[in-house]
N, C-alpha and C. Protein backbone atom coordinates (compact mmCIF):
# COMPACT_ATOMS: atom_id res chain seq x y z
N UNK A 1 24.69 -12.26 15.13
CA UNK A 1 23.66 -11.76 14.24
C UNK A 1 22.29 -12.33 14.64
N UNK A 2 22.29 -13.58 15.12
CA UNK A 2 21.01 -14.15 15.57
C UNK A 2 20.44 -13.32 16.72
N UNK A 3 21.31 -12.88 17.62
CA UNK A 3 20.87 -12.07 18.75
C UNK A 3 20.32 -10.73 18.27
N UNK A 4 20.97 -10.14 17.29
CA UNK A 4 20.49 -8.86 16.74
C UNK A 4 19.11 -9.05 16.12
N UNK A 5 18.94 -10.09 15.34
CA UNK A 5 17.64 -10.36 14.71
C UNK A 5 16.56 -10.57 15.77
N UNK A 6 16.89 -11.34 16.81
CA UNK A 6 15.92 -11.60 17.88
C UNK A 6 15.59 -10.32 18.64
N UNK A 7 16.58 -9.47 18.84
CA UNK A 7 16.35 -8.20 19.53
C UNK A 7 15.41 -7.31 18.71
N UNK A 8 15.61 -7.26 17.42
CA UNK A 8 14.72 -6.47 16.56
C UNK A 8 13.30 -7.00 16.66
N UNK A 9 13.16 -8.30 16.65
CA UNK A 9 11.82 -8.90 16.78
C UNK A 9 11.17 -8.51 18.11
N UNK A 10 11.94 -8.49 19.18
CA UNK A 10 11.37 -8.13 20.48
C UNK A 10 11.09 -6.63 20.58
N UNK A 11 11.89 -5.79 19.93
CA UNK A 11 11.64 -4.34 19.94
C UNK A 11 10.36 -3.99 19.21
N UNK A 12 10.05 -4.76 18.20
CA UNK A 12 8.85 -4.46 17.43
C UNK A 12 7.58 -4.62 18.27
N UNK A 13 7.66 -5.40 19.33
CA UNK A 13 6.49 -5.58 20.21
C UNK A 13 6.20 -4.32 21.03
N UNK A 14 7.22 -3.49 21.23
CA UNK A 14 7.07 -2.31 22.07
C UNK A 14 6.47 -1.12 21.32
N UNK A 15 6.62 -1.10 20.05
CA UNK A 15 6.17 0.04 19.25
C UNK A 15 4.77 -0.18 18.70
N UNK A 16 4.08 0.91 18.44
CA UNK A 16 2.76 0.84 17.85
C UNK A 16 2.86 0.33 16.42
N UNK A 17 3.85 0.80 15.68
CA UNK A 17 3.99 0.45 14.27
C UNK A 17 5.13 -0.56 14.09
N UNK A 18 4.83 -1.82 14.36
CA UNK A 18 5.85 -2.87 14.34
C UNK A 18 6.50 -3.02 12.97
N UNK A 19 5.72 -2.94 11.90
CA UNK A 19 6.31 -3.12 10.56
C UNK A 19 7.33 -2.04 10.24
N UNK A 20 7.08 -0.82 10.69
CA UNK A 20 8.03 0.26 10.44
C UNK A 20 9.34 0.00 11.20
N UNK A 21 9.23 -0.43 12.46
CA UNK A 21 10.41 -0.72 13.27
C UNK A 21 11.22 -1.84 12.63
N UNK A 22 10.54 -2.88 12.24
CA UNK A 22 11.23 -4.02 11.62
C UNK A 22 11.86 -3.62 10.28
N UNK A 23 11.11 -2.89 9.48
CA UNK A 23 11.60 -2.46 8.17
C UNK A 23 12.88 -1.64 8.31
N UNK A 24 12.84 -0.63 9.16
CA UNK A 24 14.01 0.24 9.30
C UNK A 24 15.22 -0.52 9.86
N UNK A 25 15.00 -1.35 10.86
CA UNK A 25 16.12 -2.06 11.46
C UNK A 25 16.71 -3.11 10.54
N UNK A 26 15.87 -3.85 9.85
CA UNK A 26 16.41 -4.84 8.92
C UNK A 26 17.07 -4.16 7.72
N UNK A 27 16.59 -3.00 7.33
CA UNK A 27 17.25 -2.24 6.27
C UNK A 27 18.65 -1.82 6.73
N UNK A 28 18.73 -1.35 7.97
CA UNK A 28 20.02 -0.92 8.52
C UNK A 28 21.00 -2.10 8.57
N UNK A 29 20.55 -3.25 9.03
CA UNK A 29 21.42 -4.43 9.09
C UNK A 29 21.83 -4.86 7.69
N UNK A 30 20.89 -4.84 6.77
CA UNK A 30 21.20 -5.21 5.39
C UNK A 30 22.29 -4.30 4.82
N UNK A 31 22.14 -3.00 5.00
CA UNK A 31 23.15 -2.04 4.50
C UNK A 31 24.50 -2.27 5.16
N UNK A 32 24.48 -2.48 6.47
CA UNK A 32 25.72 -2.72 7.21
C UNK A 32 26.43 -3.97 6.70
N UNK A 33 25.68 -5.07 6.57
CA UNK A 33 26.29 -6.31 6.10
C UNK A 33 26.73 -6.21 4.64
N UNK A 34 26.04 -5.41 3.86
CA UNK A 34 26.45 -5.20 2.46
C UNK A 34 27.77 -4.46 2.39
N UNK A 35 27.95 -3.49 3.27
CA UNK A 35 29.21 -2.73 3.32
C UNK A 35 30.37 -3.60 3.80
N UNK A 36 30.11 -4.44 4.80
CA UNK A 36 31.17 -5.24 5.41
C UNK A 36 31.66 -6.36 4.49
N UNK A 37 30.77 -6.89 3.69
CA UNK A 37 31.11 -7.97 2.74
C UNK A 37 31.82 -9.14 3.41
N UNK A 38 31.25 -9.59 4.52
CA UNK A 38 31.79 -10.74 5.24
C UNK A 38 31.10 -11.99 4.68
N UNK A 39 31.90 -12.84 4.06
CA UNK A 39 31.36 -13.98 3.33
C UNK A 39 30.49 -14.89 4.21
N UNK A 40 30.93 -15.16 5.43
CA UNK A 40 30.18 -16.10 6.28
C UNK A 40 28.84 -15.52 6.76
N UNK A 41 28.63 -14.21 6.58
CA UNK A 41 27.37 -13.57 6.98
C UNK A 41 26.46 -13.28 5.78
N UNK A 42 26.81 -13.83 4.64
CA UNK A 42 26.02 -13.61 3.42
C UNK A 42 24.57 -14.09 3.59
N UNK A 43 24.39 -15.20 4.26
CA UNK A 43 23.04 -15.72 4.51
C UNK A 43 22.22 -14.76 5.36
N UNK A 44 22.87 -14.18 6.37
CA UNK A 44 22.17 -13.22 7.24
C UNK A 44 21.87 -11.93 6.48
N UNK A 45 22.75 -11.53 5.58
CA UNK A 45 22.50 -10.34 4.76
C UNK A 45 21.27 -10.55 3.89
N UNK A 46 21.18 -11.73 3.27
CA UNK A 46 20.02 -12.05 2.44
C UNK A 46 18.75 -12.13 3.28
N UNK A 47 18.86 -12.70 4.47
CA UNK A 47 17.70 -12.78 5.35
C UNK A 47 17.25 -11.39 5.77
N UNK A 48 18.21 -10.51 6.07
CA UNK A 48 17.88 -9.13 6.46
C UNK A 48 17.17 -8.42 5.31
N UNK A 49 17.65 -8.62 4.08
CA UNK A 49 17.01 -7.99 2.93
C UNK A 49 15.60 -8.53 2.73
N UNK A 50 15.44 -9.84 2.87
CA UNK A 50 14.13 -10.46 2.70
C UNK A 50 13.16 -9.95 3.76
N UNK A 51 13.61 -9.85 5.00
CA UNK A 51 12.73 -9.40 6.08
C UNK A 51 12.43 -7.90 5.96
N UNK A 52 13.41 -7.14 5.50
CA UNK A 52 13.19 -5.71 5.23
C UNK A 52 12.10 -5.55 4.16
N UNK A 53 12.23 -6.30 3.08
CA UNK A 53 11.25 -6.22 1.98
C UNK A 53 9.87 -6.67 2.44
N UNK A 54 9.83 -7.73 3.22
CA UNK A 54 8.55 -8.25 3.73
C UNK A 54 7.83 -7.20 4.59
N UNK A 55 8.57 -6.54 5.47
CA UNK A 55 7.95 -5.55 6.35
C UNK A 55 7.65 -4.25 5.61
N UNK A 56 8.41 -3.95 4.59
CA UNK A 56 8.09 -2.79 3.74
C UNK A 56 6.74 -3.04 3.06
N UNK A 57 6.56 -4.23 2.51
CA UNK A 57 5.28 -4.56 1.86
C UNK A 57 4.12 -4.48 2.85
N UNK A 58 4.30 -5.03 4.04
CA UNK A 58 3.24 -5.00 5.05
C UNK A 58 2.91 -3.56 5.46
N UNK A 59 3.95 -2.75 5.62
CA UNK A 59 3.75 -1.35 6.00
C UNK A 59 2.97 -0.61 4.92
N UNK A 60 3.37 -0.81 3.68
CA UNK A 60 2.72 -0.15 2.54
C UNK A 60 1.26 -0.57 2.44
N UNK A 61 0.99 -1.85 2.51
CA UNK A 61 -0.38 -2.34 2.37
C UNK A 61 -1.25 -1.85 3.51
N UNK A 62 -0.72 -1.86 4.73
CA UNK A 62 -1.50 -1.41 5.88
C UNK A 62 -1.89 0.05 5.74
N UNK A 63 -0.94 0.89 5.37
CA UNK A 63 -1.19 2.32 5.32
C UNK A 63 -1.84 2.77 4.02
N UNK A 64 -1.67 2.01 2.97
CA UNK A 64 -2.26 2.42 1.70
C UNK A 64 -3.76 2.13 1.65
N UNK A 65 -4.23 1.26 2.48
CA UNK A 65 -5.66 0.98 2.52
C UNK A 65 -6.47 2.19 2.97
N UNK A 66 -5.82 3.13 3.64
CA UNK A 66 -6.53 4.26 4.22
C UNK A 66 -7.06 5.26 3.19
N UNK A 67 -6.30 5.67 2.18
CA UNK A 67 -6.82 6.69 1.26
C UNK A 67 -8.08 6.26 0.51
N UNK A 68 -8.21 5.00 0.19
CA UNK A 68 -9.36 4.51 -0.58
C UNK A 68 -10.07 3.39 0.18
N UNK A 69 -10.19 3.55 1.47
CA UNK A 69 -10.66 2.48 2.33
C UNK A 69 -12.06 1.96 1.96
N UNK A 70 -13.01 2.85 1.75
CA UNK A 70 -14.38 2.40 1.45
C UNK A 70 -14.46 1.71 0.10
N UNK A 71 -13.68 2.18 -0.86
CA UNK A 71 -13.66 1.54 -2.17
C UNK A 71 -13.01 0.15 -2.05
N UNK A 72 -11.93 0.07 -1.28
CA UNK A 72 -11.31 -1.23 -1.03
C UNK A 72 -12.29 -2.21 -0.39
N UNK A 73 -13.00 -1.75 0.61
CA UNK A 73 -13.98 -2.60 1.31
C UNK A 73 -15.09 -3.05 0.36
N UNK A 74 -15.58 -2.12 -0.44
CA UNK A 74 -16.64 -2.44 -1.39
C UNK A 74 -16.18 -3.53 -2.36
N UNK A 75 -15.01 -3.33 -2.93
CA UNK A 75 -14.53 -4.30 -3.92
C UNK A 75 -14.10 -5.62 -3.28
N UNK A 76 -13.69 -5.58 -2.01
CA UNK A 76 -13.44 -6.84 -1.29
C UNK A 76 -14.75 -7.61 -1.14
N UNK A 77 -15.84 -6.87 -0.90
CA UNK A 77 -17.15 -7.49 -0.83
C UNK A 77 -17.57 -8.11 -2.16
N UNK A 78 -17.24 -7.41 -3.24
CA UNK A 78 -17.53 -7.94 -4.58
C UNK A 78 -16.75 -9.24 -4.79
N UNK A 79 -15.47 -9.23 -4.41
CA UNK A 79 -14.66 -10.44 -4.55
C UNK A 79 -15.23 -11.59 -3.73
N UNK A 80 -15.67 -11.28 -2.52
CA UNK A 80 -16.26 -12.31 -1.65
C UNK A 80 -17.53 -12.87 -2.27
N UNK A 81 -18.30 -11.99 -2.86
CA UNK A 81 -19.54 -12.39 -3.53
C UNK A 81 -19.23 -13.36 -4.67
N UNK A 82 -18.21 -13.04 -5.44
CA UNK A 82 -17.80 -13.90 -6.55
C UNK A 82 -17.28 -15.24 -6.01
N UNK A 83 -16.53 -15.17 -4.91
CA UNK A 83 -16.00 -16.40 -4.30
C UNK A 83 -17.11 -17.32 -3.80
N UNK A 84 -18.26 -16.74 -3.48
CA UNK A 84 -19.39 -17.54 -3.01
C UNK A 84 -20.21 -18.13 -4.17
N UNK A 85 -19.76 -17.86 -5.39
CA UNK A 85 -20.40 -18.49 -6.53
C UNK A 85 -21.25 -17.58 -7.41
N UNK A 86 -21.35 -16.29 -7.07
CA UNK A 86 -22.12 -15.37 -7.91
C UNK A 86 -21.28 -15.07 -9.15
N UNK A 87 -21.90 -15.13 -10.30
CA UNK A 87 -21.18 -14.83 -11.55
C UNK A 87 -20.84 -13.35 -11.58
N UNK A 88 -19.70 -13.03 -12.19
CA UNK A 88 -19.25 -11.64 -12.25
C UNK A 88 -20.31 -10.71 -12.83
N UNK A 89 -20.95 -11.15 -13.92
CA UNK A 89 -21.94 -10.29 -14.57
C UNK A 89 -23.23 -10.15 -13.75
N UNK A 90 -23.39 -10.99 -12.72
CA UNK A 90 -24.58 -10.92 -11.86
C UNK A 90 -24.35 -10.16 -10.56
N UNK A 91 -23.11 -9.77 -10.30
CA UNK A 91 -22.78 -9.06 -9.06
C UNK A 91 -23.61 -7.78 -8.94
N UNK A 92 -23.77 -7.08 -10.03
CA UNK A 92 -24.48 -5.79 -9.99
C UNK A 92 -25.96 -5.95 -9.63
N UNK A 93 -26.47 -7.17 -9.63
CA UNK A 93 -27.86 -7.41 -9.25
C UNK A 93 -28.00 -7.70 -7.75
N UNK A 94 -26.86 -7.82 -7.06
CA UNK A 94 -26.89 -7.98 -5.60
C UNK A 94 -27.15 -6.61 -4.99
N UNK A 95 -28.05 -6.55 -4.06
CA UNK A 95 -28.46 -5.26 -3.48
C UNK A 95 -27.28 -4.46 -2.93
N UNK A 96 -26.42 -5.12 -2.18
CA UNK A 96 -25.30 -4.41 -1.54
C UNK A 96 -24.23 -4.00 -2.55
N UNK A 97 -24.22 -4.62 -3.73
CA UNK A 97 -23.17 -4.35 -4.72
C UNK A 97 -23.75 -3.88 -6.05
N UNK A 98 -24.85 -3.21 -5.98
CA UNK A 98 -25.51 -2.71 -7.19
C UNK A 98 -24.70 -1.56 -7.80
N UNK A 99 -25.07 -1.21 -9.02
CA UNK A 99 -24.42 -0.07 -9.69
C UNK A 99 -24.61 1.20 -8.88
N UNK A 100 -25.78 1.35 -8.32
CA UNK A 100 -26.08 2.54 -7.51
C UNK A 100 -25.15 2.62 -6.31
N UNK A 101 -24.93 1.49 -5.64
CA UNK A 101 -24.04 1.47 -4.46
C UNK A 101 -22.60 1.75 -4.87
N UNK A 102 -22.19 1.19 -6.00
CA UNK A 102 -20.84 1.44 -6.49
C UNK A 102 -20.65 2.93 -6.79
N UNK A 103 -21.64 3.53 -7.44
CA UNK A 103 -21.55 4.97 -7.74
C UNK A 103 -21.44 5.79 -6.45
N UNK A 104 -22.19 5.40 -5.42
CA UNK A 104 -22.13 6.11 -4.14
C UNK A 104 -20.72 6.07 -3.55
N UNK A 105 -20.11 4.89 -3.62
CA UNK A 105 -18.75 4.74 -3.08
C UNK A 105 -17.76 5.55 -3.91
N UNK A 106 -17.87 5.48 -5.22
CA UNK A 106 -16.94 6.19 -6.10
C UNK A 106 -17.07 7.71 -5.92
N UNK A 107 -18.28 8.18 -5.68
CA UNK A 107 -18.50 9.63 -5.48
C UNK A 107 -17.73 10.16 -4.28
N UNK A 108 -17.41 9.30 -3.35
CA UNK A 108 -16.66 9.72 -2.15
C UNK A 108 -15.18 9.95 -2.45
N UNK A 109 -14.76 9.58 -3.65
CA UNK A 109 -13.35 9.68 -4.01
C UNK A 109 -13.11 10.50 -5.27
N UNK A 110 -13.47 11.79 -5.24
CA UNK A 110 -13.08 12.62 -6.38
C UNK A 110 -11.56 12.81 -6.33
N UNK A 111 -10.97 13.15 -7.44
CA UNK A 111 -9.52 13.32 -7.50
C UNK A 111 -8.96 14.22 -6.43
N UNK A 112 -9.66 15.31 -6.16
CA UNK A 112 -9.22 16.26 -5.14
C UNK A 112 -9.10 15.61 -3.77
N UNK A 113 -10.06 14.77 -3.42
CA UNK A 113 -10.05 14.08 -2.13
C UNK A 113 -8.95 13.02 -2.07
N UNK A 114 -8.71 12.34 -3.17
CA UNK A 114 -7.66 11.34 -3.22
C UNK A 114 -6.31 12.01 -3.01
N UNK A 115 -6.10 13.14 -3.68
CA UNK A 115 -4.84 13.87 -3.50
C UNK A 115 -4.68 14.31 -2.05
N UNK A 116 -5.74 14.81 -1.46
CA UNK A 116 -5.70 15.25 -0.06
C UNK A 116 -5.36 14.07 0.86
N UNK A 117 -5.97 12.92 0.61
CA UNK A 117 -5.70 11.72 1.41
C UNK A 117 -4.24 11.28 1.26
N UNK A 118 -3.70 11.40 0.06
CA UNK A 118 -2.30 11.05 -0.17
C UNK A 118 -1.36 12.03 0.54
N UNK A 119 -1.74 13.30 0.60
CA UNK A 119 -0.93 14.27 1.34
C UNK A 119 -0.90 13.93 2.82
N UNK A 120 -2.04 13.55 3.36
CA UNK A 120 -2.11 13.14 4.77
C UNK A 120 -1.26 11.89 4.98
N UNK A 121 -1.35 10.96 4.07
CA UNK A 121 -0.55 9.73 4.14
C UNK A 121 0.94 10.04 4.11
N UNK A 122 1.35 10.95 3.23
CA UNK A 122 2.76 11.32 3.13
C UNK A 122 3.25 11.92 4.45
N UNK A 123 2.45 12.79 5.05
CA UNK A 123 2.88 13.40 6.31
C UNK A 123 2.96 12.36 7.42
N UNK A 124 2.08 11.36 7.40
CA UNK A 124 2.15 10.26 8.37
C UNK A 124 3.44 9.47 8.20
N UNK A 125 3.73 9.15 6.95
CA UNK A 125 4.95 8.38 6.66
C UNK A 125 6.17 9.17 7.11
N UNK A 126 6.15 10.46 6.84
CA UNK A 126 7.25 11.34 7.23
C UNK A 126 7.47 11.30 8.73
N UNK A 127 6.38 11.26 9.49
CA UNK A 127 6.48 11.19 10.96
C UNK A 127 6.95 9.82 11.42
N UNK A 128 6.54 8.77 10.74
CA UNK A 128 6.88 7.42 11.17
C UNK A 128 8.35 7.09 10.95
N UNK A 129 8.88 7.49 9.82
CA UNK A 129 10.22 7.04 9.44
C UNK A 129 11.30 7.94 10.03
N UNK A 130 12.40 7.31 10.41
CA UNK A 130 13.55 8.09 10.89
C UNK A 130 14.31 8.61 9.68
N UNK A 131 14.91 9.76 9.85
CA UNK A 131 15.65 10.38 8.75
C UNK A 131 16.96 9.66 8.46
N UNK A 132 17.53 8.98 9.46
CA UNK A 132 18.83 8.34 9.29
C UNK A 132 18.84 7.26 8.21
N UNK A 133 17.77 6.52 8.11
CA UNK A 133 17.72 5.42 7.16
C UNK A 133 17.41 5.88 5.74
N UNK A 134 16.88 7.09 5.58
CA UNK A 134 16.55 7.65 4.27
C UNK A 134 15.64 6.73 3.47
N UNK A 135 14.63 6.19 4.14
CA UNK A 135 13.71 5.27 3.48
C UNK A 135 12.47 5.95 2.91
N UNK A 136 12.30 7.23 3.16
CA UNK A 136 11.10 7.92 2.68
C UNK A 136 10.89 7.77 1.18
N UNK A 137 11.91 8.02 0.35
CA UNK A 137 11.68 7.86 -1.10
C UNK A 137 11.33 6.42 -1.48
N UNK A 138 11.94 5.45 -0.80
CA UNK A 138 11.68 4.05 -1.10
C UNK A 138 10.25 3.68 -0.73
N UNK A 139 9.82 4.09 0.47
CA UNK A 139 8.47 3.78 0.93
C UNK A 139 7.44 4.50 0.06
N UNK A 140 7.69 5.76 -0.25
CA UNK A 140 6.74 6.53 -1.06
C UNK A 140 6.59 5.93 -2.45
N UNK A 141 7.70 5.50 -3.04
CA UNK A 141 7.65 4.85 -4.35
C UNK A 141 6.88 3.53 -4.26
N UNK A 142 7.11 2.77 -3.19
CA UNK A 142 6.38 1.51 -3.01
C UNK A 142 4.88 1.79 -2.85
N UNK A 143 4.55 2.87 -2.15
CA UNK A 143 3.14 3.27 -2.01
C UNK A 143 2.55 3.59 -3.39
N UNK A 144 3.30 4.33 -4.18
CA UNK A 144 2.84 4.70 -5.52
C UNK A 144 2.58 3.45 -6.36
N UNK A 145 3.52 2.52 -6.35
CA UNK A 145 3.37 1.30 -7.15
C UNK A 145 2.17 0.48 -6.69
N UNK A 146 2.00 0.39 -5.38
CA UNK A 146 0.87 -0.39 -4.84
C UNK A 146 -0.46 0.28 -5.19
N UNK A 147 -0.54 1.60 -5.11
CA UNK A 147 -1.78 2.29 -5.43
C UNK A 147 -2.11 2.15 -6.92
N UNK A 148 -1.09 2.22 -7.76
CA UNK A 148 -1.32 2.01 -9.20
C UNK A 148 -1.82 0.59 -9.46
N UNK A 149 -1.25 -0.36 -8.75
CA UNK A 149 -1.69 -1.75 -8.87
C UNK A 149 -3.15 -1.89 -8.43
N UNK A 150 -3.49 -1.28 -7.29
CA UNK A 150 -4.87 -1.31 -6.81
C UNK A 150 -5.82 -0.64 -7.80
N UNK A 151 -5.38 0.48 -8.35
CA UNK A 151 -6.22 1.21 -9.32
C UNK A 151 -6.56 0.30 -10.50
N UNK A 152 -5.55 -0.40 -11.00
CA UNK A 152 -5.77 -1.30 -12.13
C UNK A 152 -6.71 -2.44 -11.75
N UNK A 153 -6.60 -2.92 -10.52
CA UNK A 153 -7.51 -3.95 -10.04
C UNK A 153 -8.94 -3.41 -9.96
N UNK A 154 -9.09 -2.18 -9.47
CA UNK A 154 -10.41 -1.56 -9.39
C UNK A 154 -11.04 -1.46 -10.77
N UNK A 155 -10.26 -0.93 -11.71
CA UNK A 155 -10.76 -0.78 -13.07
C UNK A 155 -11.16 -2.12 -13.67
N UNK A 156 -10.31 -3.11 -13.47
CA UNK A 156 -10.58 -4.44 -14.01
C UNK A 156 -11.85 -5.03 -13.40
N UNK A 157 -11.98 -4.92 -12.08
CA UNK A 157 -13.15 -5.46 -11.40
C UNK A 157 -14.43 -4.76 -11.87
N UNK A 158 -14.36 -3.44 -12.02
CA UNK A 158 -15.53 -2.68 -12.49
C UNK A 158 -15.90 -3.09 -13.91
N UNK A 159 -14.90 -3.23 -14.77
CA UNK A 159 -15.20 -3.59 -16.16
C UNK A 159 -15.75 -5.01 -16.27
N UNK A 160 -15.34 -5.91 -15.40
CA UNK A 160 -15.83 -7.29 -15.46
C UNK A 160 -17.20 -7.46 -14.80
N UNK A 161 -17.41 -6.76 -13.67
CA UNK A 161 -18.65 -6.97 -12.92
C UNK A 161 -19.74 -5.97 -13.25
N UNK A 162 -19.38 -4.88 -13.87
CA UNK A 162 -20.36 -3.84 -14.24
C UNK A 162 -20.16 -3.45 -15.70
N UNK A 163 -20.19 -4.44 -16.61
CA UNK A 163 -19.91 -4.14 -18.02
C UNK A 163 -20.96 -3.21 -18.62
N UNK A 164 -20.49 -2.28 -19.41
CA UNK A 164 -21.38 -1.36 -20.11
C UNK A 164 -22.07 -0.34 -19.22
N UNK A 165 -21.67 -0.26 -17.97
CA UNK A 165 -22.34 0.67 -17.04
C UNK A 165 -21.81 2.09 -17.18
N UNK A 166 -20.63 2.23 -17.74
CA UNK A 166 -20.03 3.56 -17.87
C UNK A 166 -19.48 4.08 -16.55
N UNK A 167 -19.41 3.23 -15.53
CA UNK A 167 -18.90 3.65 -14.22
C UNK A 167 -17.38 3.64 -14.26
N UNK A 168 -16.80 4.77 -13.90
CA UNK A 168 -15.34 4.88 -13.84
C UNK A 168 -14.96 5.66 -12.59
N UNK A 169 -13.72 5.53 -12.20
CA UNK A 169 -13.21 6.32 -11.08
C UNK A 169 -13.03 7.76 -11.55
N UNK A 170 -13.06 8.68 -10.62
CA UNK A 170 -12.99 10.11 -10.95
C UNK A 170 -11.57 10.55 -11.31
N UNK A 171 -10.60 9.70 -11.12
CA UNK A 171 -9.21 10.05 -11.39
C UNK A 171 -8.58 8.94 -12.23
N UNK A 172 -7.52 9.28 -12.93
CA UNK A 172 -6.87 8.33 -13.82
C UNK A 172 -5.48 7.97 -13.29
N UNK A 173 -4.82 7.06 -13.96
CA UNK A 173 -3.44 6.69 -13.61
C UNK A 173 -2.55 7.93 -13.70
N UNK A 174 -2.75 8.72 -14.75
CA UNK A 174 -1.94 9.93 -14.92
C UNK A 174 -2.17 10.89 -13.76
N UNK A 175 -3.42 11.01 -13.32
CA UNK A 175 -3.73 11.86 -12.16
C UNK A 175 -2.98 11.36 -10.92
N UNK A 176 -3.01 10.06 -10.70
CA UNK A 176 -2.31 9.50 -9.54
C UNK A 176 -0.82 9.79 -9.60
N UNK A 177 -0.23 9.60 -10.77
CA UNK A 177 1.19 9.89 -10.92
C UNK A 177 1.49 11.36 -10.64
N UNK A 178 0.61 12.24 -11.12
CA UNK A 178 0.77 13.67 -10.85
C UNK A 178 0.64 13.97 -9.37
N UNK A 179 -0.31 13.32 -8.68
CA UNK A 179 -0.47 13.55 -7.24
C UNK A 179 0.80 13.16 -6.50
N UNK A 180 1.35 12.01 -6.82
CA UNK A 180 2.56 11.56 -6.13
C UNK A 180 3.73 12.50 -6.41
N UNK A 181 3.88 12.92 -7.65
CA UNK A 181 4.97 13.84 -8.00
C UNK A 181 4.81 15.18 -7.30
N UNK A 182 3.61 15.71 -7.33
CA UNK A 182 3.34 17.00 -6.71
C UNK A 182 3.61 16.96 -5.21
N UNK A 183 3.14 15.91 -4.57
CA UNK A 183 3.33 15.77 -3.12
C UNK A 183 4.82 15.64 -2.79
N UNK A 184 5.55 14.87 -3.57
CA UNK A 184 6.98 14.71 -3.34
C UNK A 184 7.70 16.06 -3.46
N UNK A 185 7.36 16.82 -4.49
CA UNK A 185 8.00 18.12 -4.70
C UNK A 185 7.59 19.12 -3.61
N UNK A 186 6.38 19.03 -3.15
CA UNK A 186 5.88 19.94 -2.13
C UNK A 186 6.64 19.82 -0.83
N UNK A 187 7.03 18.60 -0.46
CA UNK A 187 7.68 18.36 0.83
C UNK A 187 9.21 18.36 0.76
N UNK A 188 9.76 18.62 -0.41
CA UNK A 188 11.24 18.63 -0.51
C UNK A 188 11.82 19.97 -0.14
């Protein structure tokens, strides 16, 4: 099993999308070891599951940054500004992070564009993943959960750093859930 794990690590160097290779292979090993139920390999089964989960998270985070990339970058800048000692309520007075700049970034993400970006993301995921492992629903659900988490962070950051501004995202949690459901049904 150590040789198998090392081989998977070396194969990931050959592919463009290392996290996907690692995720699928460790998922396969985890399923295999779960079926075999060999007591002395229980530690390797747990390690395979842990590494599968770790690479699933990395894959999701890497690819999920794309649909809302400029908003992510903007809010990362806001976080950095706060980390440098600027008070949350004073962030909006920074030229690069003013209310006007935030509105400009948010305008780039109307609901229609977010849905379109998610459709592109889904087709990318579909191309990346092999059909044998049947990980598409798992990865897509993880993407959904991560985007909902990001959305809540965006809302929270906006409400704390731009209080009373009335600035909101053009789409809601319900809209996001509908986008994911619609896209899933469209490709089935």
